[in-house]
């Protein structure tokens, strides 16, 4: 099990757990509301072309966030 940034989670069916969010408080609070909380399992779904948003499965939801935000969320791989 290794650690990485959420933006590096790019393989289907690869699971990870959120460990830390290095974001401004206002952005962090918004992501907390969507379930981006340390300890929460997350998995990659799809990546838009040309640096567009990245889609993830978080709990029972599909959520897309910008690449630059995903690059500030730390994860730990489960498999």
C-alpha atoms as a PDB file:
ATOM      1  CA  UNK A   1       0.000   0.000   0.000  1.00  0.00           C
ATOM      2  CA  UNK A   2       1.395   3.336  -1.034  1.00  0.00           C
ATOM      3  CA  UNK A   3       0.381   6.952  -0.796  1.00  0.00           C
ATOM      4  CA  UNK A   4      -0.283   9.375  -3.632  1.00  0.00           C
ATOM      5  CA  UNK A   5      -2.411  12.304  -4.699  1.00  0.00           C
ATOM      6  CA  UNK A   6      -6.001  11.792  -5.787  1.00  0.00           C
ATOM      7  CA  UNK A   7      -5.104  13.119  -9.252  1.00  0.00           C
ATOM      8  CA  UNK A   8      -2.796  10.085  -9.620  1.00  0.00           C
ATOM      9  CA  UNK A   9      -5.650   7.605  -9.069  1.00  0.00           C
ATOM     10  CA  UNK A  10      -6.297   6.774 -12.726  1.00  0.00           C
ATOM     11  CA  UNK A  11      -6.925   3.038 -12.897  1.00  0.00           C
ATOM     12  CA  UNK A  12     -10.439   1.599 -12.956  1.00  0.00           C
ATOM     13  CA  UNK A  13     -11.293  -0.542  -9.948  1.00  0.00           C
ATOM     14  CA  UNK A  14      -8.292   0.758  -8.017  1.00  0.00           C
ATOM     15  CA  UNK A  15      -9.404   1.660  -4.515  1.00  0.00           C
ATOM     16  CA  UNK A  16      -7.966   4.162  -2.086  1.00  0.00           C
ATOM     17  CA  UNK A  17      -8.806   6.003   1.118  1.00  0.00           C
ATOM     18  CA  UNK A  18      -8.655   9.770   1.528  1.00  0.00           C
ATOM     19  CA  UNK A  19      -6.002  10.701   4.085  1.00  0.00           C
ATOM     20  CA  UNK A  20      -5.621  14.496   3.913  1.00  0.00           C
ATOM     21  CA  UNK A  21      -6.926  17.580   2.106  1.00  0.00           C
ATOM     22  CA  UNK A  22      -4.370  20.377   1.565  1.00  0.00           C
ATOM     23  CA  UNK A  23      -6.852  23.020   0.460  1.00  0.00           C
ATOM     24  CA  UNK A  24      -8.108  26.406   1.550  1.00  0.00           C
ATOM     25  CA  UNK A  25     -10.671  26.151   4.327  1.00  0.00           C
ATOM     26  CA  UNK A  26     -13.564  27.302   2.115  1.00  0.00           C
ATOM     27  CA  UNK A  27     -12.823  24.645  -0.528  1.00  0.00           C
ATOM     28  CA  UNK A  28     -12.183  22.021   2.129  1.00  0.00           C
ATOM     29  CA  UNK A  29     -15.554  22.721   3.791  1.00  0.00           C
ATOM     30  CA  UNK A  30     -17.346  22.359   0.457  1.00  0.00           C
ATOM     31  CA  UNK A  31     -15.611  19.034  -0.237  1.00  0.00           C
ATOM     32  CA  UNK A  32     -16.405  17.836   3.299  1.00  0.00           C
ATOM     33  CA  UNK A  33     -20.084  18.438   2.486  1.00  0.00           C
ATOM     34  CA  UNK A  34     -19.716  16.147  -0.559  1.00  0.00           C
ATOM     35  CA  UNK A  35     -18.077  13.435   1.551  1.00  0.00           C
ATOM     36  CA  UNK A  36     -14.366  14.066   0.902  1.00  0.00           C
ATOM     37  CA  UNK A  37     -13.439  13.264   4.501  1.00  0.00           C
ATOM     38  CA  UNK A  38     -10.251  11.530   5.670  1.00  0.00           C
ATOM     39  CA  UNK A  39     -10.882   7.803   6.029  1.00  0.00           C
ATOM     40  CA  UNK A  40     -13.474   7.671   3.234  1.00  0.00           C
ATOM     41  CA  UNK A  41     -12.951   5.074   0.475  1.00  0.00           C
ATOM     42  CA  UNK A  42     -12.768   6.468  -3.076  1.00  0.00           C
ATOM     43  CA  UNK A  43     -12.281   4.934  -6.526  1.00  0.00           C
ATOM     44  CA  UNK A  44     -11.526   6.267 -10.016  1.00  0.00           C
ATOM     45  CA  UNK A  45     -14.286   6.324 -12.645  1.00  0.00           C
ATOM     46  CA  UNK A  46     -13.227   8.509 -15.595  1.00  0.00           C
ATOM     47  CA  UNK A  47     -11.029  11.403 -16.682  1.00  0.00           C
ATOM     48  CA  UNK A  48     -12.127  14.121 -19.094  1.00  0.00           C
ATOM     49  CA  UNK A  49      -9.717  15.024 -21.907  1.00  0.00           C
ATOM     50  CA  UNK A  50      -7.552  18.147 -22.035  1.00  0.00           C
ATOM     51  CA  UNK A  51      -7.120  18.470 -18.270  1.00  0.00           C
ATOM     52  CA  UNK A  52     -10.829  18.439 -17.549  1.00  0.00           C
ATOM     53  CA  UNK A  53     -12.495  17.092 -14.410  1.00  0.00           C
ATOM     54  CA  UNK A  54     -11.850  13.649 -12.963  1.00  0.00           C
ATOM     55  CA  UNK A  55     -14.802  11.502 -11.870  1.00  0.00           C
ATOM     56  CA  UNK A  56     -14.714   9.367  -8.749  1.00  0.00           C
ATOM     57  CA  UNK A  57     -17.035   7.056  -6.854  1.00  0.00           C
ATOM     58  CA  UNK A  58     -17.330   8.284  -3.293  1.00  0.00           C
ATOM     59  CA  UNK A  59     -19.653   6.255  -1.089  1.00  0.00           C
ATOM     60  CA  UNK A  60     -22.789   5.810  -3.240  1.00  0.00           C
ATOM     61  CA  UNK A  61     -22.210   8.869  -5.435  1.00  0.00           C
ATOM     62  CA  UNK A  62     -20.353   9.776  -8.604  1.00  0.00           C
ATOM     63  CA  UNK A  63     -18.514  13.082  -8.173  1.00  0.00           C
ATOM     64  CA  UNK A  64     -16.296  15.021 -10.599  1.00  0.00           C
ATOM     65  CA  UNK A  65     -13.740  17.546  -9.406  1.00  0.00           C
ATOM     66  CA  UNK A  66     -11.120  19.684 -11.124  1.00  0.00           C
ATOM     67  CA  UNK A  67      -7.668  18.198 -11.633  1.00  0.00           C
ATOM     68  CA  UNK A  68      -5.963  20.979  -9.634  1.00  0.00           C
ATOM     69  CA  UNK A  69      -8.156  20.243  -6.610  1.00  0.00           C
ATOM     70  CA  UNK A  70      -7.586  16.480  -6.912  1.00  0.00           C
ATOM     71  CA  UNK A  71      -3.842  17.208  -6.893  1.00  0.00           C
ATOM     72  CA  UNK A  72      -4.164  18.569  -3.330  1.00  0.00           C
ATOM     73  CA  UNK A  73      -6.001  15.577  -1.850  1.00  0.00           C
ATOM     74  CA  UNK A  74      -3.800  12.831  -0.405  1.00  0.00           C
ATOM     75  CA  UNK A  75      -4.828   9.176  -0.597  1.00  0.00           C
ATOM     76  CA  UNK A  76      -3.558   5.773   0.442  1.00  0.00           C
ATOM     77  CA  UNK A  77      -3.996   2.857  -1.953  1.00  0.00           C
ATOM     78  CA  UNK A  78      -5.864  -0.193  -0.700  1.00  0.00           C
ATOM     79  CA  UNK A  79      -4.856  -2.570  -3.472  1.00  0.00           C
END
